[in-house]
Amino acid sequence: MTITCFIRYQIDPFQRDVFKEYAEQWGRIIPRCGGHLVGYFLPHEGTNDIAWGLIAFDSLAAYEAYRARLKTDPESLANFRLAQTKRFILREERTFAEVVDGTFGIPARSVAG
């Protein structure tokens, strides 16, 4: 994948379960609409109101085509409505990044002890 969209969400920490449901639904929608879902991440320790979604694309043009598909996908539209109705996302930011060759997806090496 050439670019990855990092979505930073500020969420209502009291609606964590609703955000989890929202993220799980994207797990079906995103691949169907052309994105490579790296994953959604909920806060575990520390800050309790920041979550992340990472989606990779072959190009910025592929991202734009994906966004157009989202606007016509019934399940996508329903998921957007869920977020608007429940108001569990307080803020959303997108950053696009490219991977540095030789630094991503490298498996851990076992440490001899």
N, C-alpha and C. Protein backbone atom coordinates (compact mmCIF):
# COMPACT_ATOMS: atom_id res chain seq x y z
N MET A 1 0.84 -1.17 0.00
CA MET A 1 0.00 0.00 0.00
C MET A 1 0.89 1.24 0.00
N THR A 2 0.48 2.23 -0.76
CA THR A 2 1.28 3.44 -0.91
C THR A 2 1.03 4.44 0.21
N ILE A 3 -0.24 4.67 0.57
CA ILE A 3 -0.55 5.65 1.61
C ILE A 3 -1.47 5.02 2.65
N THR A 4 -1.37 5.54 3.85
CA THR A 4 -2.27 5.11 4.93
C THR A 4 -2.94 6.34 5.51
N CYS A 5 -4.25 6.25 5.65
CA CYS A 5 -5.03 7.30 6.28
C CYS A 5 -5.13 6.96 7.77
N PHE A 6 -4.58 7.83 8.61
CA PHE A 6 -4.68 7.69 10.06
C PHE A 6 -5.83 8.57 10.50
N ILE A 7 -6.87 7.97 11.04
CA ILE A 7 -8.01 8.73 11.55
C ILE A 7 -7.91 8.74 13.07
N ARG A 8 -7.82 9.92 13.63
CA ARG A 8 -7.77 10.09 15.08
C ARG A 8 -9.14 10.55 15.54
N TYR A 9 -9.73 9.79 16.42
CA TYR A 9 -11.05 10.11 16.94
C TYR A 9 -10.93 10.55 18.39
N GLN A 10 -11.59 11.63 18.73
CA GLN A 10 -11.83 11.93 20.13
C GLN A 10 -13.24 11.42 20.39
N ILE A 11 -13.36 10.47 21.30
CA ILE A 11 -14.65 9.82 21.55
C ILE A 11 -15.16 10.15 22.95
N ASP A 12 -16.44 9.97 23.12
CA ASP A 12 -17.05 10.06 24.44
C ASP A 12 -16.66 8.78 25.18
N PRO A 13 -15.83 8.86 26.23
CA PRO A 13 -15.38 7.63 26.89
C PRO A 13 -16.51 6.82 27.52
N PHE A 14 -17.66 7.46 27.74
CA PHE A 14 -18.79 6.75 28.32
C PHE A 14 -19.59 6.00 27.25
N GLN A 15 -19.21 6.19 25.98
CA GLN A 15 -19.87 5.48 24.88
C GLN A 15 -18.86 4.61 24.11
N ARG A 16 -17.87 4.14 24.80
CA ARG A 16 -16.83 3.29 24.20
C ARG A 16 -17.43 2.09 23.47
N ASP A 17 -18.43 1.44 24.05
CA ASP A 17 -19.04 0.26 23.44
C ASP A 17 -19.73 0.60 22.12
N VAL A 18 -20.31 1.78 22.03
CA VAL A 18 -20.96 2.19 20.78
C VAL A 18 -19.90 2.45 19.71
N PHE A 19 -18.78 3.06 20.10
CA PHE A 19 -17.70 3.26 19.15
C PHE A 19 -17.15 1.92 18.67
N LYS A 20 -17.04 0.96 19.58
CA LYS A 20 -16.56 -0.38 19.21
C LYS A 20 -17.49 -1.00 18.16
N GLU A 21 -18.79 -0.88 18.36
CA GLU A 21 -19.77 -1.38 17.39
C GLU A 21 -19.58 -0.69 16.04
N TYR A 22 -19.42 0.62 16.07
CA TYR A 22 -19.19 1.43 14.87
C TYR A 22 -17.95 0.93 14.13
N ALA A 23 -16.85 0.74 14.85
CA ALA A 23 -15.60 0.27 14.25
C ALA A 23 -15.76 -1.12 13.66
N GLU A 24 -16.42 -2.01 14.38
CA GLU A 24 -16.63 -3.38 13.88
C GLU A 24 -17.41 -3.38 12.57
N GLN A 25 -18.36 -2.47 12.45
CA GLN A 25 -19.13 -2.38 11.20
C GLN A 25 -18.25 -1.93 10.05
N TRP A 26 -17.29 -1.04 10.31
CA TRP A 26 -16.35 -0.63 9.25
C TRP A 26 -15.51 -1.81 8.79
N GLY A 27 -15.34 -2.79 9.66
CA GLY A 27 -14.57 -3.99 9.29
C GLY A 27 -15.17 -4.73 8.10
N ARG A 28 -16.45 -4.61 7.88
CA ARG A 28 -17.11 -5.20 6.70
C ARG A 28 -17.16 -4.20 5.54
N ILE A 29 -17.42 -2.94 5.88
CA ILE A 29 -17.67 -1.92 4.86
C ILE A 29 -16.40 -1.50 4.12
N ILE A 30 -15.35 -1.22 4.84
CA ILE A 30 -14.13 -0.66 4.24
C ILE A 30 -13.55 -1.57 3.16
N PRO A 31 -13.34 -2.87 3.42
CA PRO A 31 -12.79 -3.72 2.34
C PRO A 31 -13.72 -3.80 1.13
N ARG A 32 -15.01 -3.85 1.37
CA ARG A 32 -15.98 -3.92 0.27
C ARG A 32 -15.93 -2.67 -0.61
N CYS A 33 -15.61 -1.53 0.00
CA CYS A 33 -15.58 -0.27 -0.75
C CYS A 33 -14.19 0.06 -1.31
N GLY A 34 -13.20 -0.81 -1.08
CA GLY A 34 -11.90 -0.64 -1.71
C GLY A 34 -10.75 -0.22 -0.83
N GLY A 35 -10.96 -0.13 0.48
CA GLY A 35 -9.86 0.22 1.38
C GLY A 35 -9.26 -1.02 2.01
N HIS A 36 -7.98 -0.95 2.33
CA HIS A 36 -7.32 -2.04 3.06
C HIS A 36 -7.31 -1.65 4.53
N LEU A 37 -8.20 -2.28 5.31
CA LEU A 37 -8.32 -1.93 6.72
C LEU A 37 -7.14 -2.49 7.50
N VAL A 38 -6.32 -1.60 8.04
CA VAL A 38 -5.23 -2.01 8.91
C VAL A 38 -5.81 -2.34 10.28
N GLY A 39 -6.75 -1.51 10.75
CA GLY A 39 -7.42 -1.79 12.01
C GLY A 39 -7.96 -0.55 12.69
N TYR A 40 -8.85 -0.79 13.64
CA TYR A 40 -9.35 0.24 14.54
C TYR A 40 -8.80 -0.07 15.91
N PHE A 41 -8.51 0.97 16.68
CA PHE A 41 -7.87 0.80 17.98
C PHE A 41 -8.58 1.66 19.01
N LEU A 42 -8.97 1.04 20.12
CA LEU A 42 -9.60 1.73 21.24
C LEU A 42 -8.56 2.01 22.32
N PRO A 43 -8.78 3.04 23.13
CA PRO A 43 -7.84 3.29 24.23
C PRO A 43 -7.86 2.12 25.22
N HIS A 44 -6.70 1.80 25.72
CA HIS A 44 -6.59 0.69 26.68
C HIS A 44 -6.16 1.20 28.06
N GLU A 45 -5.06 1.93 28.08
CA GLU A 45 -4.58 2.56 29.32
C GLU A 45 -4.23 4.00 29.01
N GLY A 46 -4.18 4.80 30.01
CA GLY A 46 -3.84 6.22 29.79
C GLY A 46 -5.05 6.99 29.33
N THR A 47 -4.87 7.81 28.32
CA THR A 47 -5.94 8.64 27.78
C THR A 47 -7.13 7.76 27.39
N ASN A 48 -8.32 8.11 27.86
CA ASN A 48 -9.48 7.24 27.63
C ASN A 48 -10.42 7.73 26.55
N ASP A 49 -10.04 8.82 25.84
CA ASP A 49 -10.98 9.36 24.86
C ASP A 49 -10.41 9.48 23.44
N ILE A 50 -9.30 8.80 23.17
CA ILE A 50 -8.68 8.84 21.85
C ILE A 50 -8.68 7.43 21.26
N ALA A 51 -9.23 7.32 20.04
CA ALA A 51 -9.23 6.05 19.30
C ALA A 51 -8.66 6.32 17.92
N TRP A 52 -8.28 5.26 17.23
CA TRP A 52 -7.64 5.38 15.92
C TRP A 52 -8.25 4.41 14.93
N GLY A 53 -8.28 4.80 13.68
CA GLY A 53 -8.60 3.91 12.56
C GLY A 53 -7.53 4.09 11.51
N LEU A 54 -6.99 3.00 10.99
CA LEU A 54 -5.95 3.06 9.96
C LEU A 54 -6.42 2.30 8.73
N ILE A 55 -6.41 2.99 7.59
CA ILE A 55 -6.87 2.41 6.33
C ILE A 55 -5.83 2.73 5.26
N ALA A 56 -5.38 1.72 4.53
CA ALA A 56 -4.35 1.90 3.51
C ALA A 56 -4.96 1.88 2.12
N PHE A 57 -4.29 2.58 1.20
CA PHE A 57 -4.74 2.68 -0.19
C PHE A 57 -3.53 2.66 -1.11
N ASP A 58 -3.76 2.26 -2.35
CA ASP A 58 -2.68 2.24 -3.34
C ASP A 58 -2.27 3.64 -3.77
N SER A 59 -3.18 4.60 -3.67
CA SER A 59 -2.89 5.97 -4.10
C SER A 59 -3.95 6.91 -3.54
N LEU A 60 -3.73 8.19 -3.67
CA LEU A 60 -4.73 9.16 -3.25
C LEU A 60 -5.97 9.06 -4.14
N ALA A 61 -5.78 8.72 -5.41
CA ALA A 61 -6.92 8.51 -6.32
C ALA A 61 -7.76 7.33 -5.86
N ALA A 62 -7.12 6.27 -5.38
CA ALA A 62 -7.86 5.11 -4.85
C ALA A 62 -8.66 5.51 -3.62
N TYR A 63 -8.09 6.38 -2.79
CA TYR A 63 -8.81 6.89 -1.62
C TYR A 63 -10.04 7.67 -2.05
N GLU A 64 -9.91 8.52 -3.05
CA GLU A 64 -11.04 9.32 -3.53
C GLU A 64 -12.14 8.41 -4.09
N ALA A 65 -11.78 7.37 -4.82
CA ALA A 65 -12.77 6.42 -5.35
C ALA A 65 -13.47 5.70 -4.20
N TYR A 66 -12.71 5.34 -3.18
CA TYR A 66 -13.26 4.70 -1.99
C TYR A 66 -14.28 5.62 -1.30
N ARG A 67 -13.92 6.90 -1.13
CA ARG A 67 -14.84 7.85 -0.49
C ARG A 67 -16.13 7.98 -1.28
N ALA A 68 -16.04 7.96 -2.61
CA ALA A 68 -17.24 8.03 -3.45
C ALA A 68 -18.11 6.79 -3.23
N ARG A 69 -17.49 5.62 -3.12
CA ARG A 69 -18.26 4.38 -2.88
C ARG A 69 -18.95 4.42 -1.51
N LEU A 70 -18.27 4.97 -0.51
CA LEU A 70 -18.87 5.06 0.83
C LEU A 70 -20.18 5.84 0.79
N LYS A 71 -20.23 6.87 -0.05
CA LYS A 71 -21.41 7.74 -0.11
C LYS A 71 -22.62 7.07 -0.73
N THR A 72 -22.43 5.91 -1.36
CA THR A 72 -23.57 5.20 -1.97
C THR A 72 -23.82 3.84 -1.33
N ASP A 73 -22.96 3.41 -0.42
CA ASP A 73 -23.10 2.11 0.22
C ASP A 73 -24.11 2.21 1.37
N PRO A 74 -25.20 1.43 1.31
CA PRO A 74 -26.24 1.55 2.36
C PRO A 74 -25.73 1.29 3.77
N GLU A 75 -24.87 0.30 3.96
CA GLU A 75 -24.36 0.01 5.30
C GLU A 75 -23.44 1.14 5.79
N SER A 76 -22.67 1.72 4.88
CA SER A 76 -21.82 2.86 5.22
C SER A 76 -22.68 4.03 5.68
N LEU A 77 -23.71 4.35 4.92
CA LEU A 77 -24.60 5.46 5.27
C LEU A 77 -25.26 5.23 6.62
N ALA A 78 -25.64 3.99 6.90
CA ALA A 78 -26.25 3.66 8.20
C ALA A 78 -25.25 3.86 9.33
N ASN A 79 -23.99 3.51 9.09
CA ASN A 79 -22.97 3.67 10.13
C ASN A 79 -22.69 5.15 10.39
N PHE A 80 -22.64 5.95 9.34
CA PHE A 80 -22.49 7.40 9.53
C PHE A 80 -23.67 7.97 10.33
N ARG A 81 -24.89 7.49 10.03
CA ARG A 81 -26.08 7.95 10.78
C ARG A 81 -25.98 7.56 12.25
N LEU A 82 -25.48 6.35 12.52
CA LEU A 82 -25.30 5.91 13.91
C LEU A 82 -24.42 6.91 14.66
N ALA A 83 -23.31 7.30 14.04
CA ALA A 83 -22.39 8.25 14.69
C ALA A 83 -23.06 9.61 14.90
N GLN A 84 -23.83 10.06 13.93
CA GLN A 84 -24.51 11.35 14.07
C GLN A 84 -25.59 11.30 15.14
N THR A 85 -26.32 10.20 15.19
CA THR A 85 -27.43 10.07 16.15
C THR A 85 -26.92 9.92 17.58
N LYS A 86 -25.96 9.03 17.78
CA LYS A 86 -25.46 8.74 19.13
C LYS A 86 -24.44 9.76 19.63
N ARG A 87 -23.79 10.49 18.70
CA ARG A 87 -22.84 11.55 19.05
C ARG A 87 -21.70 11.07 19.94
N PHE A 88 -21.18 9.90 19.66
CA PHE A 88 -20.07 9.36 20.45
C PHE A 88 -18.71 9.80 19.91
N ILE A 89 -18.68 10.36 18.69
CA ILE A 89 -17.44 10.93 18.14
C ILE A 89 -17.51 12.44 18.35
N LEU A 90 -16.58 12.94 19.14
CA LEU A 90 -16.57 14.37 19.46
C LEU A 90 -15.74 15.16 18.45
N ARG A 91 -14.73 14.51 17.90
CA ARG A 91 -13.84 15.15 16.93
C ARG A 91 -13.16 14.06 16.11
N GLU A 92 -12.87 14.38 14.86
CA GLU A 92 -12.24 13.42 13.95
C GLU A 92 -11.21 14.16 13.11
N GLU A 93 -10.00 13.62 13.03
CA GLU A 93 -8.93 14.21 12.23
C GLU A 93 -8.34 13.14 11.31
N ARG A 94 -7.96 13.53 10.09
CA ARG A 94 -7.34 12.61 9.15
C ARG A 94 -5.94 13.10 8.80
N THR A 95 -4.99 12.17 8.81
CA THR A 95 -3.63 12.43 8.37
C THR A 95 -3.24 11.32 7.41
N PHE A 96 -2.60 11.69 6.30
CA PHE A 96 -2.16 10.71 5.32
C PHE A 96 -0.65 10.56 5.43
N ALA A 97 -0.18 9.33 5.46
CA ALA A 97 1.25 9.07 5.61
C ALA A 97 1.66 7.96 4.65
N GLU A 98 2.94 7.97 4.32
CA GLU A 98 3.47 6.89 3.49
C GLU A 98 4.47 6.10 4.34
N VAL A 99 4.54 4.82 4.09
CA VAL A 99 5.43 3.96 4.85
C VAL A 99 6.87 4.17 4.40
N VAL A 100 7.79 4.09 5.32
CA VAL A 100 9.21 4.12 5.00
C VAL A 100 9.61 2.68 4.67
N ASP A 101 10.08 2.47 3.45
CA ASP A 101 10.45 1.12 3.03
C ASP A 101 11.39 0.46 4.04
N GLY A 102 11.14 -0.81 4.29
CA GLY A 102 11.98 -1.58 5.20
C GLY A 102 11.66 -1.40 6.66
N THR A 103 10.55 -0.70 6.97
CA THR A 103 10.23 -0.46 8.39
C THR A 103 8.87 -0.96 8.81
N PHE A 104 8.07 -1.51 7.91
CA PHE A 104 6.70 -1.89 8.25
C PHE A 104 6.51 -3.39 8.05
N GLY A 105 5.84 -4.00 8.98
CA GLY A 105 5.52 -5.42 8.86
C GLY A 105 6.70 -6.34 9.11
N ILE A 106 7.69 -5.85 9.82
CA ILE A 106 8.85 -6.67 10.14
C ILE A 106 8.52 -7.48 11.40
N PRO A 107 8.58 -8.81 11.31
CA PRO A 107 8.24 -9.62 12.48
C PRO A 107 9.29 -9.48 13.57
N ALA A 108 8.83 -9.66 14.81
CA ALA A 108 9.74 -9.64 15.94
C ALA A 108 10.69 -10.82 15.87
N ARG A 109 11.90 -10.62 16.29
CA ARG A 109 12.86 -11.71 16.35
C ARG A 109 12.83 -12.28 17.75
N SER A 110 12.93 -13.59 17.83
CA SER A 110 12.94 -14.20 19.16
C SER A 110 14.28 -13.89 19.83
N VAL A 111 14.19 -13.66 21.12
CA VAL A 111 15.38 -13.32 21.89
C VAL A 111 15.81 -14.59 22.63
N ALA A 112 17.01 -15.02 22.36
CA ALA A 112 17.55 -16.21 23.05
C ALA A 112 17.90 -15.81 24.47
N GLY A 113 17.49 -16.64 25.40
CA GLY A 113 17.74 -16.25 26.78
C GLY A 113 18.44 -17.24 27.51
